[in-house]
Amino acid sequence: MREQYMRSGEGFLLVFSVTDSNSLDEMYRFHRQILRVKDRDEFPMLLVANKCDMESQRVIPSDEIQQRAEQLKIPFVECSAMLGRNVEIAFHDLVRQVRKFQAAERPPIKPSKLKPRRKCVII
């Protein structure tokens, strides 16, 4: 079922919890699965570190998240769904990536070979 959603998806938010290191490890599996289903080396994705409001329970530091995002070759953002912090930014960043990706995939528009129209002259 998940692969059907992946086939039709235009971009993906890979969301994990900063309070659970296993959730970050799962993102590697999802990342590989998306690329396999899409049969691509790259695809619009954003690594989203959720629960950044829970600093006392945090087990994944920001520098580790940045390092993993660089390994996956995708950007990342830290957010808090509970507080609404950076949630919109995550979606907006993903939409920008999707649009950029789609623009790069479109074939270039060739200039028209039509003759220029002549103006009508009334005599």
PDB file of N, CA and C in Angstrom:
ATOM      1  N   MET A   1       0.826  -1.189   0.000  1.00  0.00           N
ATOM      2  CA  MET A   1       0.000   0.000   0.000  1.00  0.00           C
ATOM      3  C   MET A   1       0.868   1.251   0.000  1.00  0.00           C
ATOM      4  N   ARG A   2       1.926   1.248   0.804  1.00  0.00           N
ATOM      5  CA  ARG A   2       2.801   2.409   0.902  1.00  0.00           C
ATOM      6  C   ARG A   2       3.448   2.722  -0.452  1.00  0.00           C
ATOM      7  N   GLU A   3       3.858   1.672  -1.175  1.00  0.00           N
ATOM      8  CA  GLU A   3       4.516   1.906  -2.465  1.00  0.00           C
ATOM      9  C   GLU A   3       3.573   2.530  -3.480  1.00  0.00           C
ATOM     10  N   GLN A   4       2.278   2.261  -3.389  1.00  0.00           N
ATOM     11  CA  GLN A   4       1.323   2.896  -4.292  1.00  0.00           C
ATOM     12  C   GLN A   4       1.298   4.403  -4.058  1.00  0.00           C
ATOM     13  N   TYR A   5       1.342   4.815  -2.787  1.00  0.00           N
ATOM     14  CA  TYR A   5       1.393   6.244  -2.485  1.00  0.00           C
ATOM     15  C   TYR A   5       2.705   6.846  -2.975  1.00  0.00           C
ATOM     16  N   MET A   6       3.766   6.088  -2.837  1.00  0.00           N
ATOM     17  CA  MET A   6       5.076   6.587  -3.269  1.00  0.00           C
ATOM     18  C   MET A   6       5.130   6.780  -4.776  1.00  0.00           C
ATOM     19  N   ARG A   7       4.483   5.892  -5.528  1.00  0.00           N
ATOM     20  CA  ARG A   7       4.492   6.026  -6.989  1.00  0.00           C
ATOM     21  C   ARG A   7       3.829   7.317  -7.442  1.00  0.00           C
ATOM     22  N   SER A   8       2.774   7.709  -6.752  1.00  0.00           N
ATOM     23  CA  SER A   8       2.029   8.888  -7.196  1.00  0.00           C
ATOM     24  C   SER A   8       2.487  10.172  -6.508  1.00  0.00           C
ATOM     25  N   GLY A   9       3.320  10.072  -5.487  1.00  0.00           N
ATOM     26  CA  GLY A   9       3.767  11.262  -4.763  1.00  0.00           C
ATOM     27  C   GLY A   9       4.717  12.122  -5.572  1.00  0.00           C
ATOM     28  N   GLU A  10       4.596  13.426  -5.415  1.00  0.00           N
ATOM     29  CA  GLU A  10       5.460  14.380  -6.110  1.00  0.00           C
ATOM     30  C   GLU A  10       6.606  14.852  -5.221  1.00  0.00           C
ATOM     31  N   GLY A  11       6.487  14.633  -3.929  1.00  0.00           N
ATOM     32  CA  GLY A  11       7.505  15.026  -2.966  1.00  0.00           C
ATOM     33  C   GLY A  11       7.157  14.408  -1.621  1.00  0.00           C
ATOM     34  N   PHE A  12       8.161  14.291  -0.745  1.00  0.00           N
ATOM     35  CA  PHE A  12       7.945  13.571   0.507  1.00  0.00           C
ATOM     36  C   PHE A  12       8.594  14.278   1.689  1.00  0.00           C
ATOM     37  N   LEU A  13       7.861  14.326   2.797  1.00  0.00           N
ATOM     38  CA  LEU A  13       8.392  14.783   4.071  1.00  0.00           C
ATOM     39  C   LEU A  13       8.758  13.533   4.864  1.00  0.00           C
ATOM     40  N   LEU A  14      10.026  13.387   5.203  1.00  0.00           N
ATOM     41  CA  LEU A  14      10.476  12.254   6.011  1.00  0.00           C
ATOM     42  C   LEU A  14      10.544  12.734   7.454  1.00  0.00           C
ATOM     43  N   VAL A  15       9.485  12.482   8.204  1.00  0.00           N
ATOM     44  CA  VAL A  15       9.327  13.025   9.552  1.00  0.00           C
ATOM     45  C   VAL A  15       9.752  11.986  10.592  1.00  0.00           C
ATOM     46  N   PHE A  16      10.557  12.432  11.549  1.00  0.00           N
ATOM     47  CA  PHE A  16      10.978  11.572  12.647  1.00  0.00           C
ATOM     48  C   PHE A  16      10.980  12.395  13.926  1.00  0.00           C
ATOM     49  N   SER A  17      11.102  11.710  15.044  1.00  0.00           N
ATOM     50  CA  SER A  17      11.083  12.364  16.353  1.00  0.00           C
ATOM     51  C   SER A  17      12.505  12.515  16.882  1.00  0.00           C
ATOM     52  N   VAL A  18      12.824  13.706  17.380  1.00  0.00           N
ATOM     53  CA  VAL A  18      14.154  13.925  17.967  1.00  0.00           C
ATOM     54  C   VAL A  18      14.288  13.224  19.313  1.00  0.00           C
ATOM     55  N   THR A  19      13.186  12.666  19.816  1.00  0.00           N
ATOM     56  CA  THR A  19      13.223  11.944  21.087  1.00  0.00           C
ATOM     57  C   THR A  19      13.350  10.434  20.895  1.00  0.00           C
ATOM     58  N   ASP A  20      13.478   9.988  19.633  1.00  0.00           N
ATOM     59  CA  ASP A  20      13.541   8.553  19.341  1.00  0.00           C
ATOM     60  C   ASP A  20      14.552   8.301  18.219  1.00  0.00           C
ATOM     61  N   SER A  21      15.708   7.770  18.557  1.00  0.00           N
ATOM     62  CA  SER A  21      16.749   7.560  17.543  1.00  0.00           C
ATOM     63  C   SER A  21      16.345   6.508  16.506  1.00  0.00           C
ATOM     64  N   ASN A  22      15.492   5.563  16.884  1.00  0.00           N
ATOM     65  CA  ASN A  22      15.030   4.558  15.919  1.00  0.00           C
ATOM     66  C   ASN A  22      14.206   5.180  14.799  1.00  0.00           C
ATOM     67  N   SER A  23      13.476   6.233  15.112  1.00  0.00           N
ATOM     68  CA  SER A  23      12.660   6.879  14.083  1.00  0.00           C
ATOM     69  C   SER A  23      13.537   7.518  13.009  1.00  0.00           C
ATOM     70  N   LEU A  24      14.705   8.035  13.400  1.00  0.00           N
ATOM     71  CA  LEU A  24      15.633   8.592  12.404  1.00  0.00           C
ATOM     72  C   LEU A  24      16.224   7.478  11.551  1.00  0.00           C
ATOM     73  N   ASP A  25      16.554   6.360  12.172  1.00  0.00           N
ATOM     74  CA  ASP A  25      17.085   5.227  11.413  1.00  0.00           C
ATOM     75  C   ASP A  25      16.076   4.721  10.382  1.00  0.00           C
ATOM     76  N   GLU A  26      14.789   4.766  10.714  1.00  0.00           N
ATOM     77  CA  GLU A  26      13.744   4.344   9.781  1.00  0.00           C
ATOM     78  C   GLU A  26      13.706   5.234   8.535  1.00  0.00           C
ATOM     79  N   MET A  27      14.118   6.496   8.677  1.00  0.00           N
ATOM     80  CA  MET A  27      14.078   7.413   7.544  1.00  0.00           C
ATOM     81  C   MET A  27      15.006   6.958   6.421  1.00  0.00           C
ATOM     82  N   TYR A  28      16.116   6.299   6.778  1.00  0.00           N
ATOM     83  CA  TYR A  28      17.002   5.752   5.747  1.00  0.00           C
ATOM     84  C   TYR A  28      16.246   4.732   4.901  1.00  0.00           C
ATOM     85  N   ARG A  29      15.469   3.882   5.563  1.00  0.00           N
ATOM     86  CA  ARG A  29      14.702   2.859   4.852  1.00  0.00           C
ATOM     87  C   ARG A  29      13.665   3.496   3.927  1.00  0.00           C
ATOM     88  N   PHE A  30      12.953   4.504   4.440  1.00  0.00           N
ATOM     89  CA  PHE A  30      11.951   5.182   3.612  1.00  0.00           C
ATOM     90  C   PHE A  30      12.613   5.902   2.438  1.00  0.00           C
ATOM     91  N   HIS A  31      13.726   6.549   2.695  1.00  0.00           N
ATOM     92  CA  HIS A  31      14.449   7.273   1.646  1.00  0.00           C
ATOM     93  C   HIS A  31      14.836   6.306   0.514  1.00  0.00           C
ATOM     94  N   ARG A  32      15.436   5.185   0.866  1.00  0.00           N
ATOM     95  CA  ARG A  32      15.833   4.192  -0.141  1.00  0.00           C
ATOM     96  C   ARG A  32      14.619   3.644  -0.877  1.00  0.00           C
ATOM     97  N   GLN A  33      13.546   3.397  -0.147  1.00  0.00           N
ATOM     98  CA  GLN A  33      12.345   2.840  -0.763  1.00  0.00           C
ATOM     99  C   GLN A  33      11.730   3.820  -1.762  1.00  0.00           C
ATOM    100  N   ILE A  34      11.693   5.077  -1.419  1.00  0.00           N
ATOM    101  CA  ILE A  34      11.149   6.092  -2.331  1.00  0.00           C
ATOM    102  C   ILE A  34      11.981   6.146  -3.601  1.00  0.00           C
ATOM    103  N   LEU A  35      13.301   6.199  -3.463  1.00  0.00           N
ATOM    104  CA  LEU A  35      14.165   6.261  -4.641  1.00  0.00           C
ATOM    105  C   LEU A  35      14.021   5.001  -5.497  1.00  0.00           C
ATOM    106  N   ARG A  36      13.867   3.858  -4.864  1.00  0.00           N
ATOM    107  CA  ARG A  36      13.690   2.605  -5.607  1.00  0.00           C
ATOM    108  C   ARG A  36      12.362   2.610  -6.362  1.00  0.00           C
ATOM    109  N   VAL A  37      11.282   2.996  -5.687  1.00  0.00           N
ATOM    110  CA  VAL A  37       9.963   3.016  -6.320  1.00  0.00           C
ATOM    111  C   VAL A  37       9.931   4.026  -7.466  1.00  0.00           C
ATOM    112  N   LYS A  38      10.567   5.160  -7.269  1.00  0.00           N
ATOM    113  CA  LYS A  38      10.595   6.206  -8.295  1.00  0.00           C
ATOM    114  C   LYS A  38      11.626   5.923  -9.376  1.00  0.00           C
ATOM    115  N   ASP A  39      12.511   4.945  -9.125  1.00  0.00           N
ATOM    116  CA  ASP A  39      13.595   4.599 -10.045  1.00  0.00           C
ATOM    117  C   ASP A  39      14.434   5.832 -10.394  1.00  0.00           C
ATOM    118  N   ARG A  40      14.861   6.535  -9.328  1.00  0.00           N
ATOM    119  CA  ARG A  40      15.626   7.775  -9.465  1.00  0.00           C
ATOM    120  C   ARG A  40      16.785   7.751  -8.481  1.00  0.00           C
ATOM    121  N   ASP A  41      17.756   8.611  -8.737  1.00  0.00           N
ATOM    122  CA  ASP A  41      18.849   8.817  -7.787  1.00  0.00           C
ATOM    123  C   ASP A  41      18.533   9.956  -6.824  1.00  0.00           C
ATOM    124  N   GLU A  42      17.670  10.857  -7.254  1.00  0.00           N
ATOM    125  CA  GLU A  42      17.251  11.994  -6.437  1.00  0.00           C
ATOM    126  C   GLU A  42      15.762  12.221  -6.658  1.00  0.00           C
ATOM    127  N   PHE A  43      15.115  12.746  -5.620  1.00  0.00           N
ATOM    128  CA  PHE A  43      13.700  13.082  -5.717  1.00  0.00           C
ATOM    129  C   PHE A  43      13.404  14.099  -4.627  1.00  0.00           C
ATOM    130  N   PRO A  44      12.415  14.984  -4.802  1.00  0.00           N
ATOM    131  CA  PRO A  44      12.124  15.996  -3.787  1.00  0.00           C
ATOM    132  C   PRO A  44      11.721  15.384  -2.445  1.00  0.00           C
ATOM    133  N   MET A  45      12.576  15.582  -1.450  1.00  0.00           N
ATOM    134  CA  MET A  45      12.319  15.104  -0.093  1.00  0.00           C
ATOM    135  C   MET A  45      12.890  16.112   0.891  1.00  0.00           C
ATOM    136  N   LEU A  46      12.309  16.121   2.071  1.00  0.00           N
ATOM    137  CA  LEU A  46      12.771  16.992   3.146  1.00  0.00           C
ATOM    138  C   LEU A  46      12.768  16.177   4.432  1.00  0.00           C
ATOM    139  N   LEU A  47      13.891  16.182   5.132  1.00  0.00           N
ATOM    140  CA  LEU A  47      14.002  15.504   6.416  1.00  0.00           C
ATOM    141  C   LEU A  47      13.455  16.446   7.484  1.00  0.00           C
ATOM    142  N   VAL A  48      12.445  16.000   8.222  1.00  0.00           N
ATOM    143  CA  VAL A  48      11.774  16.851   9.202  1.00  0.00           C
ATOM    144  C   VAL A  48      11.969  16.269  10.601  1.00  0.00           C
ATOM    145  N   ALA A  49      12.698  17.011  11.435  1.00  0.00           N
ATOM    146  CA  ALA A  49      12.916  16.618  12.827  1.00  0.00           C
ATOM    147  C   ALA A  49      11.793  17.207  13.666  1.00  0.00           C
ATOM    148  N   ASN A  50      10.907  16.356  14.135  1.00  0.00           N
ATOM    149  CA  ASN A  50       9.746  16.813  14.901  1.00  0.00           C
ATOM    150  C   ASN A  50      10.025  16.732  16.400  1.00  0.00           C
ATOM    151  N   LYS A  51       9.216  17.414  17.168  1.00  0.00           N
ATOM    152  CA  LYS A  51       9.276  17.474  18.636  1.00  0.00           C
ATOM    153  C   LYS A  51      10.495  18.258  19.127  1.00  0.00           C
ATOM    154  N   CYS A  52      10.882  19.279  18.389  1.00  0.00           N
ATOM    155  CA  CYS A  52      12.031  20.085  18.823  1.00  0.00           C
ATOM    156  C   CYS A  52      11.706  20.907  20.071  1.00  0.00           C
ATOM    157  N   ASP A  53      10.441  20.922  20.475  1.00  0.00           N
ATOM    158  CA  ASP A  53      10.056  21.608  21.710  1.00  0.00           C
ATOM    159  C   ASP A  53      10.392  20.777  22.951  1.00  0.00           C
ATOM    160  N   MET A  54      10.723  19.511  22.785  1.00  0.00           N
ATOM    161  CA  MET A  54      10.982  18.609  23.911  1.00  0.00           C
ATOM    162  C   MET A  54      12.492  18.452  24.159  1.00  0.00           C
ATOM    163  N   GLU A  55      13.144  19.561  24.436  1.00  0.00           N
ATOM    164  CA  GLU A  55      14.600  19.567  24.610  1.00  0.00           C
ATOM    165  C   GLU A  55      15.084  18.645  25.721  1.00  0.00           C
ATOM    166  N   SER A  56      14.332  18.519  26.791  1.00  0.00           N
ATOM    167  CA  SER A  56      14.772  17.683  27.916  1.00  0.00           C
ATOM    168  C   SER A  56      14.756  16.192  27.574  1.00  0.00           C
ATOM    169  N   GLN A  57      13.962  15.805  26.583  1.00  0.00           N
ATOM    170  CA  GLN A  57      13.864  14.401  26.183  1.00  0.00           C
ATOM    171  C   GLN A  57      14.594  14.111  24.876  1.00  0.00           C
ATOM    172  N   ARG A  58      15.227  15.108  24.342  1.00  0.00           N
ATOM    173  CA  ARG A  58      15.905  14.996  23.044  1.00  0.00           C
ATOM    174  C   ARG A  58      17.081  14.028  23.123  1.00  0.00           C
ATOM    175  N   VAL A  59      17.167  13.120  22.147  1.00  0.00           N
ATOM    176  CA  VAL A  59      18.294  12.182  22.088  1.00  0.00           C
ATOM    177  C   VAL A  59      19.106  12.337  20.801  1.00  0.00           C
ATOM    178  N   ILE A  60      18.585  13.107  19.847  1.00  0.00           N
ATOM    179  CA  ILE A  60      19.285  13.311  18.571  1.00  0.00           C
ATOM    180  C   ILE A  60      19.661  14.786  18.463  1.00  0.00           C
ATOM    181  N   PRO A  61      20.957  15.102  18.546  1.00  0.00           N
ATOM    182  CA  PRO A  61      21.374  16.509  18.443  1.00  0.00           C
ATOM    183  C   PRO A  61      21.245  17.038  17.009  1.00  0.00           C
ATOM    184  N   SER A  62      21.138  18.347  16.896  1.00  0.00           N
ATOM    185  CA  SER A  62      20.971  18.997  15.591  1.00  0.00           C
ATOM    186  C   SER A  62      22.106  18.697  14.626  1.00  0.00           C
ATOM    187  N   ASP A  63      23.336  18.636  15.144  1.00  0.00           N
ATOM    188  CA  ASP A  63      24.463  18.389  14.238  1.00  0.00           C
ATOM    189  C   ASP A  63      24.405  16.984  13.640  1.00  0.00           C
ATOM    190  N   GLU A  64      23.879  16.016  14.373  1.00  0.00           N
ATOM    191  CA  GLU A  64      23.722  14.667  13.818  1.00  0.00           C
ATOM    192  C   GLU A  64      22.655  14.658  12.724  1.00  0.00           C
ATOM    193  N   ILE A  65      21.583  15.410  12.940  1.00  0.00           N
ATOM    194  CA  ILE A  65      20.522  15.496  11.931  1.00  0.00           C
ATOM    195  C   ILE A  65      21.065  16.132  10.661  1.00  0.00           C
ATOM    196  N   GLN A  66      21.835  17.192  10.830  1.00  0.00           N
ATOM    197  CA  GLN A  66      22.428  17.857   9.671  1.00  0.00           C
ATOM    198  C   GLN A  66      23.352  16.911   8.922  1.00  0.00           C
ATOM    199  N   GLN A  67      24.142  16.154   9.651  1.00  0.00           N
ATOM    200  CA  GLN A  67      25.066  15.195   9.033  1.00  0.00           C
ATOM    201  C   GLN A  67      24.301  14.120   8.247  1.00  0.00           C
ATOM    202  N   ARG A  68      23.234  13.621   8.828  1.00  0.00           N
ATOM    203  CA  ARG A  68      22.432  12.597   8.136  1.00  0.00           C
ATOM    204  C   ARG A  68      21.734  13.168   6.897  1.00  0.00           C
ATOM    205  N   ALA A  69      21.265  14.384   7.009  1.00  0.00           N
ATOM    206  CA  ALA A  69      20.620  15.030   5.856  1.00  0.00           C
ATOM    207  C   ALA A  69      21.624  15.196   4.716  1.00  0.00           C
ATOM    208  N   GLU A  70      22.857  15.546   5.047  1.00  0.00           N
ATOM    209  CA  GLU A  70      23.902  15.669   4.026  1.00  0.00           C
ATOM    210  C   GLU A  70      24.199  14.315   3.392  1.00  0.00           C
ATOM    211  N   GLN A  71      24.192  13.255   4.181  1.00  0.00           N
ATOM    212  CA  GLN A  71      24.413  11.910   3.638  1.00  0.00           C
ATOM    213  C   GLN A  71      23.307  11.530   2.654  1.00  0.00           C
ATOM    214  N   LEU A  72      22.083  11.885   2.996  1.00  0.00           N
ATOM    215  CA  LEU A  72      20.943  11.576   2.130  1.00  0.00           C
ATOM    216  C   LEU A  72      20.817  12.562   0.972  1.00  0.00           C
ATOM    217  N   LYS A  73      21.570  13.653   1.040  1.00  0.00           N
ATOM    218  CA  LYS A  73      21.541  14.717   0.020  1.00  0.00           C
ATOM    219  C   LYS A  73      20.164  15.368  -0.072  1.00  0.00           C
ATOM    220  N   ILE A  74      19.578  15.611   1.111  1.00  0.00           N
ATOM    221  CA  ILE A  74      18.302  16.321   1.177  1.00  0.00           C
ATOM    222  C   ILE A  74      18.381  17.349   2.302  1.00  0.00           C
ATOM    223  N   PRO A  75      17.638  18.450   2.178  1.00  0.00           N
ATOM    224  CA  PRO A  75      17.631  19.452   3.253  1.00  0.00           C
ATOM    225  C   PRO A  75      16.844  18.954   4.464  1.00  0.00           C
ATOM    226  N   PHE A  76      17.018  19.645   5.579  1.00  0.00           N
ATOM    227  CA  PHE A  76      16.268  19.288   6.778  1.00  0.00           C
ATOM    228  C   PHE A  76      15.758  20.536   7.468  1.00  0.00           C
ATOM    229  N   VAL A  77      14.748  20.336   8.297  1.00  0.00           N
ATOM    230  CA  VAL A  77      14.197  21.409   9.111  1.00  0.00           C
ATOM    231  C   VAL A  77      13.752  20.790  10.432  1.00  0.00           C
ATOM    232  N   GLU A  78      13.935  21.549  11.515  1.00  0.00           N
ATOM    233  CA  GLU A  78      13.445  21.114  12.818  1.00  0.00           C
ATOM    234  C   GLU A  78      12.127  21.823  13.078  1.00  0.00           C
ATOM    235  N   CYS A  79      11.156  21.080  13.591  1.00  0.00           N
ATOM    236  CA  CYS A  79       9.857  21.698  13.845  1.00  0.00           C
ATOM    237  C   CYS A  79       9.203  21.090  15.081  1.00  0.00           C
ATOM    238  N   SER A  80       8.120  21.703  15.471  1.00  0.00           N
ATOM    239  CA  SER A  80       7.289  21.197  16.557  1.00  0.00           C
ATOM    240  C   SER A  80       5.841  21.251  16.078  1.00  0.00           C
ATOM    241  N   ALA A  81       5.250  20.089  15.882  1.00  0.00           N
ATOM    242  CA  ALA A  81       3.850  20.046  15.462  1.00  0.00           C
ATOM    243  C   ALA A  81       2.946  20.575  16.572  1.00  0.00           C
ATOM    244  N   MET A  82       3.312  20.301  17.806  1.00  0.00           N
ATOM    245  CA  MET A  82       2.497  20.739  18.933  1.00  0.00           C
ATOM    246  C   MET A  82       2.433  22.272  19.006  1.00  0.00           C
ATOM    247  N   LEU A  83       3.589  22.923  18.829  1.00  0.00           N
ATOM    248  CA  LEU A  83       3.635  24.384  18.891  1.00  0.00           C
ATOM    249  C   LEU A  83       3.393  25.042  17.534  1.00  0.00           C
ATOM    250  N   GLY A  84       3.384  24.248  16.476  1.00  0.00           N
ATOM    251  CA  GLY A  84       3.229  24.803  15.135  1.00  0.00           C
ATOM    252  C   GLY A  84       4.484  25.488  14.625  1.00  0.00           C
ATOM    253  N   ARG A  85       5.619  25.221  15.241  1.00  0.00           N
ATOM    254  CA  ARG A  85       6.882  25.859  14.871  1.00  0.00           C
ATOM    255  C   ARG A  85       7.477  25.196  13.617  1.00  0.00           C
ATOM    256  N   ASN A  86       7.675  25.980  12.576  1.00  0.00           N
ATOM    257  CA  ASN A  86       8.308  25.570  11.318  1.00  0.00           C
ATOM    258  C   ASN A  86       7.523  24.526  10.525  1.00  0.00           C
ATOM    259  N   VAL A  87       6.286  24.260  10.883  1.00  0.00           N
ATOM    260  CA  VAL A  87       5.490  23.285  10.147  1.00  0.00           C
ATOM    261  C   VAL A  87       5.191  23.807   8.746  1.00  0.00           C
ATOM    262  N   GLU A  88       4.724  25.055   8.666  1.00  0.00           N
ATOM    263  CA  GLU A  88       4.451  25.641   7.348  1.00  0.00           C
ATOM    264  C   GLU A  88       5.719  25.746   6.517  1.00  0.00           C
ATOM    265  N   ILE A  89       6.815  26.074   7.164  1.00  0.00           N
ATOM    266  CA  ILE A  89       8.099  26.186   6.454  1.00  0.00           C
ATOM    267  C   ILE A  89       8.458  24.855   5.809  1.00  0.00           C
ATOM    268  N   ALA A  90       8.238  23.750   6.522  1.00  0.00           N
ATOM    269  CA  ALA A  90       8.546  22.427   5.974  1.00  0.00           C
ATOM    270  C   ALA A  90       7.745  22.181   4.694  1.00  0.00           C
ATOM    271  N   PHE A  91       6.450  22.462   4.732  1.00  0.00           N
ATOM    272  CA  PHE A  91       5.618  22.241   3.551  1.00  0.00           C
ATOM    273  C   PHE A  91       5.994  23.189   2.418  1.00  0.00           C
ATOM    274  N   HIS A  92       6.258  24.440   2.735  1.00  0.00           N
ATOM    275  CA  HIS A  92       6.634  25.406   1.702  1.00  0.00           C
ATOM    276  C   HIS A  92       7.966  25.020   1.055  1.00  0.00           C
ATOM    277  N   ASP A  93       8.933  24.581   1.868  1.00  0.00           N
ATOM    278  CA  ASP A  93      10.221  24.151   1.317  1.00  0.00           C
ATOM    279  C   ASP A  93      10.045  22.961   0.388  1.00  0.00           C
ATOM    280  N   LEU A  94       9.204  22.018   0.784  1.00  0.00           N
ATOM    281  CA  LEU A  94       8.977  20.849  -0.065  1.00  0.00           C
ATOM    282  C   LEU A  94       8.317  21.252  -1.382  1.00  0.00           C
ATOM    283  N   VAL A  95       7.338  22.142  -1.319  1.00  0.00           N
ATOM    284  CA  VAL A  95       6.671  22.592  -2.549  1.00  0.00           C
ATOM    285  C   VAL A  95       7.675  23.285  -3.477  1.00  0.00           C
ATOM    286  N   ARG A  96       8.572  24.084  -2.921  1.00  0.00           N
ATOM    287  CA  ARG A  96       9.606  24.726  -3.742  1.00  0.00           C
ATOM    288  C   ARG A  96      10.505  23.681  -4.409  1.00  0.00           C
ATOM    289  N   GLN A  97      10.866  22.657  -3.652  1.00  0.00           N
ATOM    290  CA  GLN A  97      11.691  21.580  -4.225  1.00  0.00           C
ATOM    291  C   GLN A  97      10.959  20.868  -5.354  1.00  0.00           C
ATOM    292  N   VAL A  98       9.687  20.573  -5.146  1.00  0.00           N
ATOM    293  CA  VAL A  98       8.890  19.878  -6.166  1.00  0.00           C
ATOM    294  C   VAL A  98       8.821  20.717  -7.432  1.00  0.00           C
ATOM    295  N   ARG A  99       8.539  22.003  -7.291  1.00  0.00           N
ATOM    296  CA  ARG A  99       8.447  22.881  -8.464  1.00  0.00           C
ATOM    297  C   ARG A  99       9.775  22.981  -9.203  1.00  0.00           C
ATOM    298  N   LYS A 100      10.846  23.097  -8.471  1.00  0.00           N
ATOM    299  CA  LYS A 100      12.176  23.164  -9.084  1.00  0.00           C
ATOM    300  C   LYS A 100      12.490  21.864  -9.812  1.00  0.00           C
ATOM    301  N   PHE A 101      12.173  20.743  -9.194  1.00  0.00           N
ATOM    302  CA  PHE A 101      12.407  19.431  -9.792  1.00  0.00           C
ATOM    303  C   PHE A 101      11.591  19.274 -11.074  1.00  0.00           C
ATOM    304  N   GLN A 102      10.315  19.641 -11.013  1.00  0.00           N
ATOM    305  CA  GLN A 102       9.448  19.514 -12.183  1.00  0.00           C
ATOM    306  C   GLN A 102       9.895  20.428 -13.317  1.00  0.00           C
ATOM    307  N   ALA A 103      10.347  21.630 -12.991  1.00  0.00           N
ATOM    308  CA  ALA A 103      10.829  22.555 -14.024  1.00  0.00           C
ATOM    309  C   ALA A 103      12.075  21.995 -14.702  1.00  0.00           C
ATOM    310  N   ALA A 104      12.937  21.349 -13.933  1.00  0.00           N
ATOM    311  CA  ALA A 104      14.150  20.769 -14.508  1.00  0.00           C
ATOM    312  C   ALA A 104      13.827  19.552 -15.374  1.00  0.00           C
ATOM    313  N   GLU A 105      12.717  18.881 -15.098  1.00  0.00           N
ATOM    314  CA  GLU A 105      12.329  17.687 -15.848  1.00  0.00           C
ATOM    315  C   GLU A 105      11.626  18.001 -17.168  1.00  0.00           C
ATOM    316  N   ARG A 106      11.029  19.194 -17.259  1.00  0.00           N
ATOM    317  CA  ARG A 106      10.304  19.564 -18.482  1.00  0.00           C
ATOM    318  C   ARG A 106      11.272  19.797 -19.627  1.00  0.00           C
ATOM    319  N   PRO A 107      10.888  19.370 -20.816  1.00  0.00           N
ATOM    320  CA  PRO A 107      11.745  19.671 -21.965  1.00  0.00           C
ATOM    321  C   PRO A 107      11.719  21.167 -22.252  1.00  0.00           C
ATOM    322  N   PRO A 108      12.833  21.711 -22.727  1.00  0.00           N
ATOM    323  CA  PRO A 108      12.852  23.147 -23.022  1.00  0.00           C
ATOM    324  C   PRO A 108      11.862  23.486 -24.141  1.00  0.00           C
ATOM    325  N   ILE A 109      11.277  24.654 -24.031  1.00  0.00           N
ATOM    326  CA  ILE A 109      10.313  25.119 -25.042  1.00  0.00           C
ATOM    327  C   ILE A 109      11.089  25.656 -26.229  1.00  0.00           C
ATOM    328  N   LYS A 110      10.766  25.113 -27.405  1.00  0.00           N
ATOM    329  CA  LYS A 110      11.440  25.543 -28.625  1.00  0.00           C
ATOM    330  C   LYS A 110      10.741  26.782 -29.170  1.00  0.00           C
ATOM    331  N   PRO A 111      11.531  27.712 -29.705  1.00  0.00           N
ATOM    332  CA  PRO A 111      10.901  28.909 -30.282  1.00  0.00           C
ATOM    333  C   PRO A 111      10.004  28.529 -31.452  1.00  0.00           C
ATOM    334  N   SER A 112       8.941  29.257 -31.578  1.00  0.00           N
ATOM    335  CA  SER A 112       7.972  28.990 -32.630  1.00  0.00           C
ATOM    336  C   SER A 112       8.560  29.305 -33.998  1.00  0.00           C
ATOM    337  N   LYS A 113       8.250  28.446 -34.979  1.00  0.00           N
ATOM    338  CA  LYS A 113       8.733  28.656 -36.347  1.00  0.00           C
ATOM    339  C   LYS A 113       7.651  29.274 -37.220  1.00  0.00           C
ATOM    340  N   LEU A 114       6.609  29.782 -36.598  1.00  0.00           N
ATOM    341  CA  LEU A 114       5.534  30.421 -37.352  1.00  0.00           C
ATOM    342  C   LEU A 114       6.010  31.760 -37.904  1.00  0.00           C
ATOM    343  N   LYS A 115       5.493  32.087 -39.080  1.00  0.00           N
ATOM    344  CA  LYS A 115       5.820  33.379 -39.670  1.00  0.00           C
ATOM    345  C   LYS A 115       5.114  34.467 -38.879  1.00  0.00           C
ATOM    346  N   PRO A 116       5.758  35.602 -38.750  1.00  0.00           N
ATOM    347  CA  PRO A 116       5.089  36.689 -38.027  1.00  0.00           C
ATOM    348  C   PRO A 116       3.842  37.125 -38.804  1.00  0.00           C
ATOM    349  N   ARG A 117       2.808  37.454 -38.086  1.00  0.00           N
ATOM    350  CA  ARG A 117       1.559  37.882 -38.724  1.00  0.00           C
ATOM    351  C   ARG A 117       1.732  39.273 -39.313  1.00  0.00           C
ATOM    352  N   ARG A 118       1.114  39.452 -40.462  1.00  0.00           N
ATOM    353  CA  ARG A 118       1.130  40.752 -41.083  1.00  0.00           C
ATOM    354  C   ARG A 118      -0.078  41.532 -40.624  1.00  0.00           C
ATOM    355  N   LYS A 119       0.097  42.815 -40.528  1.00  0.00           N
ATOM    356  CA  LYS A 119      -1.004  43.665 -40.123  1.00  0.00           C
ATOM    357  C   LYS A 119      -1.925  43.905 -41.320  1.00  0.00           C
ATOM    358  N   CYS A 120      -3.173  44.024 -41.016  1.00  0.00           N
ATOM    359  CA  CYS A 120      -4.154  44.316 -42.058  1.00  0.00           C
ATOM    360  C   CYS A 120      -4.073  45.811 -42.410  1.00  0.00           C
ATOM    361  N   VAL A 121      -4.242  46.047 -43.677  1.00  0.00           N
ATOM    362  CA  VAL A 121      -4.250  47.439 -44.137  1.00  0.00           C
ATOM    363  C   VAL A 121      -5.563  47.663 -44.869  1.00  0.00           C
ATOM    364  N   ILE A 122      -6.295  48.691 -44.475  1.00  0.00           N
ATOM    365  CA  ILE A 122      -7.562  49.021 -45.148  1.00  0.00           C
ATOM    366  C   ILE A 122      -7.273  50.141 -46.152  1.00  0.00           C
ATOM    367  N   ILE A 123      -7.682  49.896 -47.373  1.00  0.00           N
ATOM    368  CA  ILE A 123      -7.433  50.892 -48.430  1.00  0.00           C
ATOM    369  C   ILE A 123      -8.723  51.565 -48.812  1.00  0.00           C
TER     370      ILE A 123
END
